[in-house]
Amino acid sequence: MKFQKRFAAFLLILTLALGVITISPQSALADATANPATAAEVFSVNCAGCHSNGGNIIRRGKNLKQKALKKYKMDSIANIANLVTNGKNIMPSYKARLSEQQIIDVSAYVLSQAESDWK
């Protein structure tokens, strides 16, 4: 009986901790640059088909260059992550394909590449 109560308490604490992490993306953002190679791979596999070198083969103006990101208010990890997660118009949602951490990582990667003009 004691074990069941302790286990239930453990699960409750774990669930609450995961909830805090989920609704507090700032803690996840700290890990966004932890593995840039993985973010580059995620981008290459999932995004480069339409956004090679930060461009956009479907709508030229909606590219991933710094000027366009600022113009469309996509110049933050949170805003890019929201777009990647939920999609918009012709851009598909990736929430079923990528983990939250992968989305944050690839969002940080897009910003860093935009700052260096995708070179």
PDB file of N, CA and C in Angstrom:
ATOM      1  N   MET A   1       0.816  -1.191   0.000  1.00  0.00           N
ATOM      2  CA  MET A   1       0.000   0.000   0.000  1.00  0.00           C
ATOM      3  C   MET A   1       0.865   1.263   0.000  1.00  0.00           C
ATOM      4  N   LYS A   2       1.938   1.255   0.840  1.00  0.00           N
ATOM      5  CA  LYS A   2       2.826   2.412   0.870  1.00  0.00           C
ATOM      6  C   LYS A   2       3.468   2.625  -0.489  1.00  0.00           C
ATOM      7  N   PHE A   3       3.842   1.522  -1.137  1.00  0.00           N
ATOM      8  CA  PHE A   3       4.474   1.624  -2.447  1.00  0.00           C
ATOM      9  C   PHE A   3       3.542   2.289  -3.456  1.00  0.00           C
ATOM     10  N   GLN A   4       2.269   1.906  -3.443  1.00  0.00           N
ATOM     11  CA  GLN A   4       1.302   2.467  -4.376  1.00  0.00           C
ATOM     12  C   GLN A   4       1.135   3.964  -4.149  1.00  0.00           C
ATOM     13  N   LYS A   5       1.092   4.401  -2.891  1.00  0.00           N
ATOM     14  CA  LYS A   5       0.957   5.828  -2.587  1.00  0.00           C
ATOM     15  C   LYS A   5       2.198   6.587  -3.028  1.00  0.00           C
ATOM     16  N   ARG A   6       3.373   6.021  -2.749  1.00  0.00           N
ATOM     17  CA  ARG A   6       4.617   6.677  -3.163  1.00  0.00           C
ATOM     18  C   ARG A   6       4.715   6.740  -4.682  1.00  0.00           C
ATOM     19  N   PHE A   7       4.334   5.663  -5.338  1.00  0.00           N
ATOM     20  CA  PHE A   7       4.381   5.630  -6.788  1.00  0.00           C
ATOM     21  C   PHE A   7       3.405   6.653  -7.377  1.00  0.00           C
ATOM     22  N   ALA A   8       2.212   6.747  -6.815  1.00  0.00           N
ATOM     23  CA  ALA A   8       1.223   7.722  -7.275  1.00  0.00           C
ATOM     24  C   ALA A   8       1.744   9.146  -7.067  1.00  0.00           C
ATOM     25  N   ALA A   9       2.382   9.394  -5.930  1.00  0.00           N
ATOM     26  CA  ALA A   9       2.955  10.718  -5.663  1.00  0.00           C
ATOM     27  C   ALA A   9       4.067  11.022  -6.659  1.00  0.00           C
ATOM     28  N   PHE A  10       4.900  10.027  -6.937  1.00  0.00           N
ATOM     29  CA  PHE A  10       5.976  10.196  -7.907  1.00  0.00           C
ATOM     30  C   PHE A  10       5.413  10.551  -9.285  1.00  0.00           C
ATOM     31  N   LEU A  11       4.374   9.826  -9.711  1.00  0.00           N
ATOM     32  CA  LEU A  11       3.762  10.105 -11.010  1.00  0.00           C
ATOM     33  C   LEU A  11       3.153  11.503 -11.058  1.00  0.00           C
ATOM     34  N   LEU A  12       2.548  11.923  -9.983  1.00  0.00           N
ATOM     35  CA  LEU A  12       1.966  13.259  -9.921  1.00  0.00           C
ATOM     36  C   LEU A  12       3.051  14.323 -10.057  1.00  0.00           C
ATOM     37  N   ILE A  13       4.137  14.157  -9.321  1.00  0.00           N
ATOM     38  CA  ILE A  13       5.242  15.119  -9.385  1.00  0.00           C
ATOM     39  C   ILE A  13       5.849  15.135 -10.787  1.00  0.00           C
ATOM     40  N   LEU A  14       6.033  13.966 -11.369  1.00  0.00           N
ATOM     41  CA  LEU A  14       6.579  13.874 -12.716  1.00  0.00           C
ATOM     42  C   LEU A  14       5.663  14.550 -13.727  1.00  0.00           C
ATOM     43  N   THR A  15       4.381  14.320 -13.613  1.00  0.00           N
ATOM     44  CA  THR A  15       3.418  14.942 -14.517  1.00  0.00           C
ATOM     45  C   THR A  15       3.439  16.459 -14.379  1.00  0.00           C
ATOM     46  N   LEU A  16       3.478  16.951 -13.156  1.00  0.00           N
ATOM     47  CA  LEU A  16       3.537  18.400 -12.938  1.00  0.00           C
ATOM     48  C   LEU A  16       4.829  18.987 -13.489  1.00  0.00           C
ATOM     49  N   ALA A  17       5.927  18.300 -13.288  1.00  0.00           N
ATOM     50  CA  ALA A  17       7.215  18.787 -13.802  1.00  0.00           C
ATOM     51  C   ALA A  17       7.196  18.855 -15.318  1.00  0.00           C
ATOM     52  N   LEU A  18       6.657  17.838 -15.964  1.00  0.00           N
ATOM     53  CA  LEU A  18       6.570  17.851 -17.420  1.00  0.00           C
ATOM     54  C   LEU A  18       5.637  18.954 -17.901  1.00  0.00           C
ATOM     55  N   GLY A  19       4.584  19.197 -17.168  1.00  0.00           N
ATOM     56  CA  GLY A  19       3.666  20.289 -17.516  1.00  0.00           C
ATOM     57  C   GLY A  19       4.348  21.640 -17.443  1.00  0.00           C
ATOM     58  N   VAL A  20       5.178  21.846 -16.430  1.00  0.00           N
ATOM     59  CA  VAL A  20       5.909  23.110 -16.296  1.00  0.00           C
ATOM     60  C   VAL A  20       6.870  23.273 -17.458  1.00  0.00           C
ATOM     61  N   ILE A  21       7.554  22.217 -17.834  1.00  0.00           N
ATOM     62  CA  ILE A  21       8.483  22.289 -18.958  1.00  0.00           C
ATOM     63  C   ILE A  21       7.727  22.593 -20.243  1.00  0.00           C
ATOM     64  N   THR A  22       6.583  21.973 -20.426  1.00  0.00           N
ATOM     65  CA  THR A  22       5.805  22.169 -21.639  1.00  0.00           C
ATOM     66  C   THR A  22       5.302  23.601 -21.751  1.00  0.00           C
ATOM     67  N   ILE A  23       4.818  24.174 -20.658  1.00  0.00           N
ATOM     68  CA  ILE A  23       4.287  25.532 -20.740  1.00  0.00           C
ATOM     69  C   ILE A  23       5.339  26.587 -20.485  1.00  0.00           C
ATOM     70  N   SER A  24       6.555  26.193 -20.217  1.00  0.00           N
ATOM     71  CA  SER A  24       7.638  27.138 -20.006  1.00  0.00           C
ATOM     72  C   SER A  24       8.753  26.880 -21.017  1.00  0.00           C
ATOM     73  N   PRO A  25       8.583  27.351 -22.275  1.00  0.00           N
ATOM     74  CA  PRO A  25       9.554  27.047 -23.305  1.00  0.00           C
ATOM     75  C   PRO A  25      10.921  27.665 -23.056  1.00  0.00           C
ATOM     76  N   GLN A  26      11.018  28.646 -22.150  1.00  0.00           N
ATOM     77  CA  GLN A  26      12.315  29.258 -21.879  1.00  0.00           C
ATOM     78  C   GLN A  26      13.333  28.229 -21.413  1.00  0.00           C
ATOM     79  N   SER A  27      12.901  27.263 -20.594  1.00  0.00           N
ATOM     80  CA  SER A  27      13.838  26.238 -20.147  1.00  0.00           C
ATOM     81  C   SER A  27      14.268  25.375 -21.311  1.00  0.00           C
ATOM     82  N   ALA A  28      13.360  25.105 -22.219  1.00  0.00           N
ATOM     83  CA  ALA A  28      13.725  24.311 -23.396  1.00  0.00           C
ATOM     84  C   ALA A  28      14.618  25.099 -24.329  1.00  0.00           C
ATOM     85  N   LEU A  29      14.433  26.418 -24.386  1.00  0.00           N
ATOM     86  CA  LEU A  29      15.253  27.243 -25.261  1.00  0.00           C
ATOM     87  C   LEU A  29      16.716  27.223 -24.847  1.00  0.00           C
ATOM     88  N   ALA A  30      16.979  26.987 -23.584  1.00  0.00           N
ATOM     89  CA  ALA A  30      18.363  26.923 -23.127  1.00  0.00           C
ATOM     90  C   ALA A  30      19.111  25.799 -23.821  1.00  0.00           C
ATOM     91  N   ASP A  31      18.399  24.741 -24.222  1.00  0.00           N
ATOM     92  CA  ASP A  31      19.019  23.612 -24.904  1.00  0.00           C
ATOM     93  C   ASP A  31      18.980  23.751 -26.420  1.00  0.00           C
ATOM     94  N   ALA A  32      18.455  24.849 -26.933  1.00  0.00           N
ATOM     95  CA  ALA A  32      18.228  24.978 -28.368  1.00  0.00           C
ATOM     96  C   ALA A  32      19.511  24.921 -29.185  1.00  0.00           C
ATOM     97  N   THR A  33      20.617  25.326 -28.620  1.00  0.00           N
ATOM     98  CA  THR A  33      21.869  25.291 -29.365  1.00  0.00           C
ATOM     99  C   THR A  33      22.755  24.143 -28.904  1.00  0.00           C
ATOM    100  N   ALA A  34      22.196  23.210 -28.140  1.00  0.00           N
ATOM    101  CA  ALA A  34      22.993  22.116 -27.588  1.00  0.00           C
ATOM    102  C   ALA A  34      23.598  21.238 -28.669  1.00  0.00           C
ATOM    103  N   ASN A  35      22.889  21.008 -29.752  1.00  0.00           N
ATOM    104  CA  ASN A  35      23.397  20.149 -30.801  1.00  0.00           C
ATOM    105  C   ASN A  35      23.043  20.718 -32.175  1.00  0.00           C
ATOM    106  N   PRO A  36      23.830  21.705 -32.625  1.00  0.00           N
ATOM    107  CA  PRO A  36      23.494  22.333 -33.908  1.00  0.00           C
ATOM    108  C   PRO A  36      23.542  21.369 -35.084  1.00  0.00           C
ATOM    109  N   ALA A  37      24.364  20.324 -35.020  1.00  0.00           N
ATOM    110  CA  ALA A  37      24.426  19.355 -36.118  1.00  0.00           C
ATOM    111  C   ALA A  37      23.089  18.651 -36.275  1.00  0.00           C
ATOM    112  N   THR A  38      22.466  18.312 -35.162  1.00  0.00           N
ATOM    113  CA  THR A  38      21.161  17.658 -35.215  1.00  0.00           C
ATOM    114  C   THR A  38      20.120  18.604 -35.794  1.00  0.00           C
ATOM    115  N   ALA A  39      20.147  19.862 -35.408  1.00  0.00           N
ATOM    116  CA  ALA A  39      19.202  20.849 -35.942  1.00  0.00           C
ATOM    117  C   ALA A  39      19.394  20.997 -37.450  1.00  0.00           C
ATOM    118  N   ALA A  40      20.631  20.997 -37.900  1.00  0.00           N
ATOM    119  CA  ALA A  40      20.912  21.088 -39.337  1.00  0.00           C
ATOM    120  C   ALA A  40      20.367  19.860 -40.064  1.00  0.00           C
ATOM    121  N   GLU A  41      20.487  18.698 -39.445  1.00  0.00           N
ATOM    122  CA  GLU A  41      19.950  17.473 -40.044  1.00  0.00           C
ATOM    123  C   GLU A  41      18.433  17.528 -40.120  1.00  0.00           C
ATOM    124  N   VAL A  42      17.807  17.984 -39.042  1.00  0.00           N
ATOM    125  CA  VAL A  42      16.342  18.102 -39.021  1.00  0.00           C
ATOM    126  C   VAL A  42      15.905  19.058 -40.122  1.00  0.00           C
ATOM    127  N   PHE A  43      16.604  20.185 -40.266  1.00  0.00           N
ATOM    128  CA  PHE A  43      16.279  21.150 -41.311  1.00  0.00           C
ATOM    129  C   PHE A  43      16.460  20.516 -42.685  1.00  0.00           C
ATOM    130  N   SER A  44      17.569  19.844 -42.880  1.00  0.00           N
ATOM    131  CA  SER A  44      17.871  19.224 -44.171  1.00  0.00           C
ATOM    132  C   SER A  44      16.795  18.212 -44.580  1.00  0.00           C
ATOM    133  N   VAL A  45      16.374  17.402 -43.640  1.00  0.00           N
ATOM    134  CA  VAL A  45      15.398  16.343 -43.936  1.00  0.00           C
ATOM    135  C   VAL A  45      13.985  16.893 -44.095  1.00  0.00           C
ATOM    136  N   ASN A  46      13.599  17.872 -43.261  1.00  0.00           N
ATOM    137  CA  ASN A  46      12.203  18.303 -43.205  1.00  0.00           C
ATOM    138  C   ASN A  46      11.896  19.640 -43.865  1.00  0.00           C
ATOM    139  N   CYS A  47      12.895  20.497 -44.005  1.00  0.00           N
ATOM    140  CA  CYS A  47      12.618  21.869 -44.427  1.00  0.00           C
ATOM    141  C   CYS A  47      13.287  22.271 -45.745  1.00  0.00           C
ATOM    142  N   ALA A  48      14.451  21.701 -46.003  1.00  0.00           N
ATOM    143  CA  ALA A  48      15.255  22.146 -47.142  1.00  0.00           C
ATOM    144  C   ALA A  48      14.571  21.901 -48.482  1.00  0.00           C
ATOM    145  N   GLY A  49      13.633  20.984 -48.545  1.00  0.00           N
ATOM    146  CA  GLY A  49      12.921  20.751 -49.798  1.00  0.00           C
ATOM    147  C   GLY A  49      12.253  22.013 -50.325  1.00  0.00           C
ATOM    148  N   CYS A  50      11.729  22.818 -49.436  1.00  0.00           N
ATOM    149  CA  CYS A  50      11.110  24.097 -49.821  1.00  0.00           C
ATOM    150  C   CYS A  50      11.986  25.296 -49.483  1.00  0.00           C
ATOM    151  N   HIS A  51      12.856  25.146 -48.481  1.00  0.00           N
ATOM    152  CA  HIS A  51      13.620  26.287 -47.968  1.00  0.00           C
ATOM    153  C   HIS A  51      15.129  26.116 -48.110  1.00  0.00           C
ATOM    154  N   SER A  52      15.570  25.580 -49.217  1.00  0.00           N
ATOM    155  CA  SER A  52      17.003  25.407 -49.447  1.00  0.00           C
ATOM    156  C   SER A  52      17.716  26.757 -49.354  1.00  0.00           C
ATOM    157  N   ASN A  53      18.797  26.786 -48.570  1.00  0.00           N
ATOM    158  CA  ASN A  53      19.583  28.008 -48.342  1.00  0.00           C
ATOM    159  C   ASN A  53      18.728  29.181 -47.869  1.00  0.00           C
ATOM    160  N   GLY A  54      17.666  28.887 -47.161  1.00  0.00           N
ATOM    161  CA  GLY A  54      16.817  29.936 -46.601  1.00  0.00           C
ATOM    162  C   GLY A  54      15.823  30.522 -47.578  1.00  0.00           C
ATOM    163  N   GLY A  55      15.750  29.975 -48.773  1.00  0.00           N
ATOM    164  CA  GLY A  55      14.807  30.480 -49.765  1.00  0.00           C
ATOM    165  C   GLY A  55      13.426  29.897 -49.556  1.00  0.00           C
ATOM    166  N   ASN A  56      12.598  30.016 -50.580  1.00  0.00           N
ATOM    167  CA  ASN A  56      11.265  29.422 -50.557  1.00  0.00           C
ATOM    168  C   ASN A  56      10.871  29.160 -52.000  1.00  0.00           C
ATOM    169  N   ILE A  57      10.779  27.904 -52.377  1.00  0.00           N
ATOM    170  CA  ILE A  57      10.478  27.587 -53.767  1.00  0.00           C
ATOM    171  C   ILE A  57       9.010  27.800 -54.115  1.00  0.00           C
ATOM    172  N   ILE A  58       8.161  27.959 -53.119  1.00  0.00           N
ATOM    173  CA  ILE A  58       6.727  28.128 -53.367  1.00  0.00           C
ATOM    174  C   ILE A  58       6.342  29.610 -53.400  1.00  0.00           C
ATOM    175  N   ARG A  59       6.788  30.355 -52.382  1.00  0.00           N
ATOM    176  CA  ARG A  59       6.495  31.796 -52.300  1.00  0.00           C
ATOM    177  C   ARG A  59       7.792  32.529 -51.975  1.00  0.00           C
ATOM    178  N   ARG A  60       8.395  33.127 -52.981  1.00  0.00           N
ATOM    179  CA  ARG A  60       9.717  33.742 -52.828  1.00  0.00           C
ATOM    180  C   ARG A  60       9.798  34.718 -51.660  1.00  0.00           C
ATOM    181  N   GLY A  61       8.800  35.528 -51.464  1.00  0.00           N
ATOM    182  CA  GLY A  61       8.844  36.538 -50.407  1.00  0.00           C
ATOM    183  C   GLY A  61       8.783  35.965 -49.004  1.00  0.00           C
ATOM    184  N   LYS A  62       8.252  34.773 -48.868  1.00  0.00           N
ATOM    185  CA  LYS A  62       8.119  34.133 -47.549  1.00  0.00           C
ATOM    186  C   LYS A  62       9.314  33.201 -47.317  1.00  0.00           C
ATOM    187  N   ASN A  63      10.494  33.768 -47.414  1.00  0.00           N
ATOM    188  CA  ASN A  63      11.704  32.968 -47.235  1.00  0.00           C
ATOM    189  C   ASN A  63      12.193  33.050 -45.795  1.00  0.00           C
ATOM    190  N   LEU A  64      13.335  32.467 -45.539  1.00  0.00           N
ATOM    191  CA  LEU A  64      13.891  32.433 -44.183  1.00  0.00           C
ATOM    192  C   LEU A  64      15.081  33.369 -44.035  1.00  0.00           C
ATOM    193  N   LYS A  65      15.122  34.378 -44.854  1.00  0.00           N
ATOM    194  CA  LYS A  65      16.168  35.395 -44.744  1.00  0.00           C
ATOM    195  C   LYS A  65      15.765  36.361 -43.631  1.00  0.00           C
ATOM    196  N   GLN A  66      16.753  37.002 -43.045  1.00  0.00           N
ATOM    197  CA  GLN A  66      16.504  37.848 -41.878  1.00  0.00           C
ATOM    198  C   GLN A  66      15.474  38.947 -42.155  1.00  0.00           C
ATOM    199  N   LYS A  67      15.551  39.579 -43.307  1.00  0.00           N
ATOM    200  CA  LYS A  67      14.621  40.658 -43.645  1.00  0.00           C
ATOM    201  C   LYS A  67      13.170  40.157 -43.658  1.00  0.00           C
ATOM    202  N   ALA A  68      12.944  39.011 -44.270  1.00  0.00           N
ATOM    203  CA  ALA A  68      11.586  38.451 -44.334  1.00  0.00           C
ATOM    204  C   ALA A  68      11.122  37.981 -42.954  1.00  0.00           C
ATOM    205  N   LEU A  69      12.032  37.375 -42.189  1.00  0.00           N
ATOM    206  CA  LEU A  69      11.646  36.927 -40.846  1.00  0.00           C
ATOM    207  C   LEU A  69      11.180  38.109 -40.002  1.00  0.00           C
ATOM    208  N   LYS A  70      11.896  39.228 -40.091  1.00  0.00           N
ATOM    209  CA  LYS A  70      11.488  40.423 -39.335  1.00  0.00           C
ATOM    210  C   LYS A  70      10.171  40.978 -39.863  1.00  0.00           C
ATOM    211  N   LYS A  71      10.044  41.049 -41.178  1.00  0.00           N
ATOM    212  CA  LYS A  71       8.836  41.600 -41.800  1.00  0.00           C
ATOM    213  C   LYS A  71       7.579  40.853 -41.354  1.00  0.00           C
ATOM    214  N   TYR A  72       7.677  39.537 -41.290  1.00  0.00           N
ATOM    215  CA  TYR A  72       6.521  38.713 -40.935  1.00  0.00           C
ATOM    216  C   TYR A  72       6.482  38.334 -39.452  1.00  0.00           C
ATOM    217  N   LYS A  73       7.316  39.010 -38.653  1.00  0.00           N
ATOM    218  CA  LYS A  73       7.377  38.796 -37.201  1.00  0.00           C
ATOM    219  C   LYS A  73       7.691  37.335 -36.851  1.00  0.00           C
ATOM    220  N   MET A  74       8.577  36.758 -37.609  1.00  0.00           N
ATOM    221  CA  MET A  74       9.040  35.390 -37.375  1.00  0.00           C
ATOM    222  C   MET A  74      10.503  35.412 -36.934  1.00  0.00           C
ATOM    223  N   ASP A  75      10.895  36.480 -36.256  1.00  0.00           N
ATOM    224  CA  ASP A  75      12.298  36.656 -35.867  1.00  0.00           C
ATOM    225  C   ASP A  75      12.544  36.289 -34.404  1.00  0.00           C
ATOM    226  N   SER A  76      11.806  35.273 -33.939  1.00  0.00           N
ATOM    227  CA  SER A  76      12.043  34.739 -32.600  1.00  0.00           C
ATOM    228  C   SER A  76      11.860  33.225 -32.652  1.00  0.00           C
ATOM    229  N   ILE A  77      12.534  32.540 -31.757  1.00  0.00           N
ATOM    230  CA  ILE A  77      12.402  31.082 -31.702  1.00  0.00           C
ATOM    231  C   ILE A  77      10.950  30.702 -31.433  1.00  0.00           C
ATOM    232  N   ALA A  78      10.299  31.411 -30.536  1.00  0.00           N
ATOM    233  CA  ALA A  78       8.909  31.090 -30.186  1.00  0.00           C
ATOM    234  C   ALA A  78       7.981  31.199 -31.395  1.00  0.00           C
ATOM    235  N   ASN A  79       8.124  32.264 -32.180  1.00  0.00           N
ATOM    236  CA  ASN A  79       7.236  32.449 -33.334  1.00  0.00           C
ATOM    237  C   ASN A  79       7.511  31.425 -34.430  1.00  0.00           C
ATOM    238  N   ILE A  80       8.789  31.148 -34.677  1.00  0.00           N
ATOM    239  CA  ILE A  80       9.116  30.132 -35.684  1.00  0.00           C
ATOM    240  C   ILE A  80       8.624  28.768 -35.215  1.00  0.00           C
ATOM    241  N   ALA A  81       8.868  28.459 -33.950  1.00  0.00           N
ATOM    242  CA  ALA A  81       8.432  27.167 -33.407  1.00  0.00           C
ATOM    243  C   ALA A  81       6.922  27.014 -33.510  1.00  0.00           C
ATOM    244  N   ASN A  82       6.186  28.072 -33.272  1.00  0.00           N
ATOM    245  CA  ASN A  82       4.726  28.032 -33.397  1.00  0.00           C
ATOM    246  C   ASN A  82       4.324  27.722 -34.843  1.00  0.00           C
ATOM    247  N   LEU A  83       4.975  28.359 -35.791  1.00  0.00           N
ATOM    248  CA  LEU A  83       4.674  28.118 -37.204  1.00  0.00           C
ATOM    249  C   LEU A  83       5.027  26.689 -37.612  1.00  0.00           C
ATOM    250  N   VAL A  84       6.191  26.222 -37.185  1.00  0.00           N
ATOM    251  CA  VAL A  84       6.603  24.854 -37.507  1.00  0.00           C
ATOM    252  C   VAL A  84       5.635  23.853 -36.867  1.00  0.00           C
ATOM    253  N   THR A  85       5.255  24.111 -35.647  1.00  0.00           N
ATOM    254  CA  THR A  85       4.353  23.206 -34.929  1.00  0.00           C
ATOM    255  C   THR A  85       2.979  23.146 -35.579  1.00  0.00           C
ATOM    256  N   ASN A  86       2.405  24.295 -35.851  1.00  0.00           N
ATOM    257  CA  ASN A  86       1.005  24.356 -36.283  1.00  0.00           C
ATOM    258  C   ASN A  86       0.805  24.548 -37.780  1.00  0.00           C
ATOM    259  N   GLY A  87       1.848  24.983 -38.487  1.00  0.00           N
ATOM    260  CA  GLY A  87       1.701  25.269 -39.904  1.00  0.00           C
ATOM    261  C   GLY A  87       0.838  26.497 -40.131  1.00  0.00           C
ATOM    262  N   LYS A  88       0.761  26.930 -41.379  1.00  0.00           N
ATOM    263  CA  LYS A  88      -0.090  28.072 -41.720  1.00  0.00           C
ATOM    264  C   LYS A  88      -0.195  28.130 -43.240  1.00  0.00           C
ATOM    265  N   ASN A  89      -1.396  28.285 -43.728  1.00  0.00           N
ATOM    266  CA  ASN A  89      -1.645  28.321 -45.164  1.00  0.00           C
ATOM    267  C   ASN A  89      -1.020  27.092 -45.826  1.00  0.00           C
ATOM    268  N   ILE A  90      -0.082  27.293 -46.723  1.00  0.00           N
ATOM    269  CA  ILE A  90       0.512  26.177 -47.467  1.00  0.00           C
ATOM    270  C   ILE A  90       1.596  25.445 -46.664  1.00  0.00           C
ATOM    271  N   MET A  91       2.096  26.081 -45.600  1.00  0.00           N
ATOM    272  CA  MET A  91       3.117  25.467 -44.747  1.00  0.00           C
ATOM    273  C   MET A  91       2.449  24.411 -43.860  1.00  0.00           C
ATOM    274  N   PRO A  92       2.910  23.151 -43.963  1.00  0.00           N
ATOM    275  CA  PRO A  92       2.283  22.105 -43.159  1.00  0.00           C
ATOM    276  C   PRO A  92       2.711  22.148 -41.689  1.00  0.00           C
ATOM    277  N   SER A  93       1.933  21.508 -40.867  1.00  0.00           N
ATOM    278  CA  SER A  93       2.253  21.338 -39.446  1.00  0.00           C
ATOM    279  C   SER A  93       3.243  20.198 -39.288  1.00  0.00           C
ATOM    280  N   TYR A  94       4.198  20.375 -38.381  1.00  0.00           N
ATOM    281  CA  TYR A  94       5.185  19.331 -38.124  1.00  0.00           C
ATOM    282  C   TYR A  94       5.062  18.740 -36.723  1.00  0.00           C
ATOM    283  N   LYS A  95       3.978  19.069 -36.008  1.00  0.00           N
ATOM    284  CA  LYS A  95       3.853  18.573 -34.639  1.00  0.00           C
ATOM    285  C   LYS A  95       3.746  17.057 -34.563  1.00  0.00           C
ATOM    286  N   ALA A  96       3.285  16.408 -35.607  1.00  0.00           N
ATOM    287  CA  ALA A  96       3.192  14.951 -35.600  1.00  0.00           C
ATOM    288  C   ALA A  96       4.490  14.292 -36.070  1.00  0.00           C
ATOM    289  N   ARG A  97       5.378  15.066 -36.681  1.00  0.00           N
ATOM    290  CA  ARG A  97       6.616  14.508 -37.237  1.00  0.00           C
ATOM    291  C   ARG A  97       7.846  14.780 -36.395  1.00  0.00           C
ATOM    292  N   LEU A  98       7.839  15.911 -35.693  1.00  0.00           N
ATOM    293  CA  LEU A  98       9.014  16.329 -34.923  1.00  0.00           C
ATOM    294  C   LEU A  98       8.665  16.452 -33.446  1.00  0.00           C
ATOM    295  N   SER A  99       9.646  16.196 -32.596  1.00  0.00           N
ATOM    296  CA  SER A  99       9.440  16.399 -31.159  1.00  0.00           C
ATOM    297  C   SER A  99       9.479  17.900 -30.864  1.00  0.00           C
ATOM    298  N   GLU A 100       9.001  18.269 -29.697  1.00  0.00           N
ATOM    299  CA  GLU A 100       9.049  19.682 -29.303  1.00  0.00           C
ATOM    300  C   GLU A 100      10.484  20.192 -29.318  1.00  0.00           C
ATOM    301  N   GLN A 101      11.418  19.374 -28.821  1.00  0.00           N
ATOM    302  CA  GLN A 101      12.819  19.793 -28.785  1.00  0.00           C
ATOM    303  C   GLN A 101      13.380  19.952 -30.199  1.00  0.00           C
ATOM    304  N   GLN A 102      13.028  19.066 -31.106  1.00  0.00           N
ATOM    305  CA  GLN A 102      13.488  19.203 -32.489  1.00  0.00           C
ATOM    306  C   GLN A 102      12.946  20.482 -33.113  1.00  0.00           C
ATOM    307  N   ILE A 103      11.713  20.818 -32.801  1.00  0.00           N
ATOM    308  CA  ILE A 103      11.114  22.048 -33.339  1.00  0.00           C
ATOM    309  C   ILE A 103      11.841  23.266 -32.786  1.00  0.00           C
ATOM    310  N   ILE A 104      12.130  23.266 -31.502  1.00  0.00           N
ATOM    311  CA  ILE A 104      12.866  24.380 -30.905  1.00  0.00           C
ATOM    312  C   ILE A 104      14.272  24.459 -31.504  1.00  0.00           C
ATOM    313  N   ASP A 105      14.929  23.310 -31.639  1.00  0.00           N
ATOM    314  CA  ASP A 105      16.277  23.280 -32.203  1.00  0.00           C
ATOM    315  C   ASP A 105      16.302  23.812 -33.634  1.00  0.00           C
ATOM    316  N   VAL A 106      15.355  23.361 -34.456  1.00  0.00           N
ATOM    317  CA  VAL A 106      15.358  23.798 -35.850  1.00  0.00           C
ATOM    318  C   VAL A 106      14.973  25.278 -35.945  1.00  0.00           C
ATOM    319  N   SER A 107      14.155  25.755 -35.035  1.00  0.00           N
ATOM    320  CA  SER A 107      13.802  27.178 -35.009  1.00  0.00           C
ATOM    321  C   SER A 107      15.028  28.026 -34.675  1.00  0.00           C
ATOM    322  N   ALA A 108      15.800  27.592 -33.693  1.00  0.00           N
ATOM    323  CA  ALA A 108      17.038  28.294 -33.346  1.00  0.00           C
ATOM    324  C   ALA A 108      18.028  28.238 -34.506  1.00  0.00           C
ATOM    325  N   TYR A 109      18.073  27.109 -35.188  1.00  0.00           N
ATOM    326  CA  TYR A 109      18.954  26.947 -36.348  1.00  0.00           C
ATOM    327  C   TYR A 109      18.575  27.935 -37.450  1.00  0.00           C
ATOM    328  N   VAL A 110      17.292  28.067 -37.726  1.00  0.00           N
ATOM    329  CA  VAL A 110      16.824  29.006 -38.759  1.00  0.00           C
ATOM    330  C   VAL A 110      17.257  30.424 -38.408  1.00  0.00           C
ATOM    331  N   LEU A 111      17.079  30.825 -37.151  1.00  0.00           N
ATOM    332  CA  LEU A 111      17.498  32.173 -36.750  1.00  0.00           C
ATOM    333  C   LEU A 111      18.996  32.365 -36.898  1.00  0.00           C
ATOM    334  N   SER A 112      19.779  31.383 -36.470  1.00  0.00           N
ATOM    335  CA  SER A 112      21.231  31.528 -36.565  1.00  0.00           C
ATOM    336  C   SER A 112      21.681  31.577 -38.029  1.00  0.00           C
ATOM    337  N   GLN A 113      21.060  30.790 -38.879  1.00  0.00           N
ATOM    338  CA  GLN A 113      21.430  30.814 -40.300  1.00  0.00           C
ATOM    339  C   GLN A 113      21.012  32.135 -40.944  1.00  0.00           C
ATOM    340  N   ALA A 114      19.864  32.655 -40.563  1.00  0.00           N
ATOM    341  CA  ALA A 114      19.410  33.945 -41.102  1.00  0.00           C
ATOM    342  C   ALA A 114      20.380  35.061 -40.716  1.00  0.00           C
ATOM    343  N   GLU A 115      20.889  34.997 -39.470  1.00  0.00           N
ATOM    344  CA  GLU A 115      21.843  36.017 -39.024  1.00  0.00           C
ATOM    345  C   GLU A 115      23.134  35.981 -39.831  1.00  0.00           C
ATOM    346  N   SER A 116      23.509  34.806 -40.316  1.00  0.00           N
ATOM    347  CA  SER A 116      24.744  34.683 -41.111  1.00  0.00           C
ATOM    348  C   SER A 116      24.427  34.647 -42.603  1.00  0.00           C
ATOM    349  N   ASP A 117      23.222  35.051 -42.981  1.00  0.00           N
ATOM    350  CA  ASP A 117      22.761  35.099 -44.371  1.00  0.00           C
ATOM    351  C   ASP A 117      22.857  33.751 -45.055  1.00  0.00           C
ATOM    352  N   TRP A 118      22.651  32.672 -44.282  1.00  0.00           N
ATOM    353  CA  TRP A 118      22.628  31.298 -44.793  1.00  0.00           C
ATOM    354  C   TRP A 118      23.924  30.904 -45.477  1.00  0.00           C
ATOM    355  N   LYS A 119      25.050  31.364 -44.901  1.00  0.00           N
ATOM    356  CA  LYS A 119      26.365  30.982 -45.450  1.00  0.00           C
ATOM    357  C   LYS A 119      27.086  30.064 -44.513  1.00  0.00           C
TER     358      LYS A 119
END
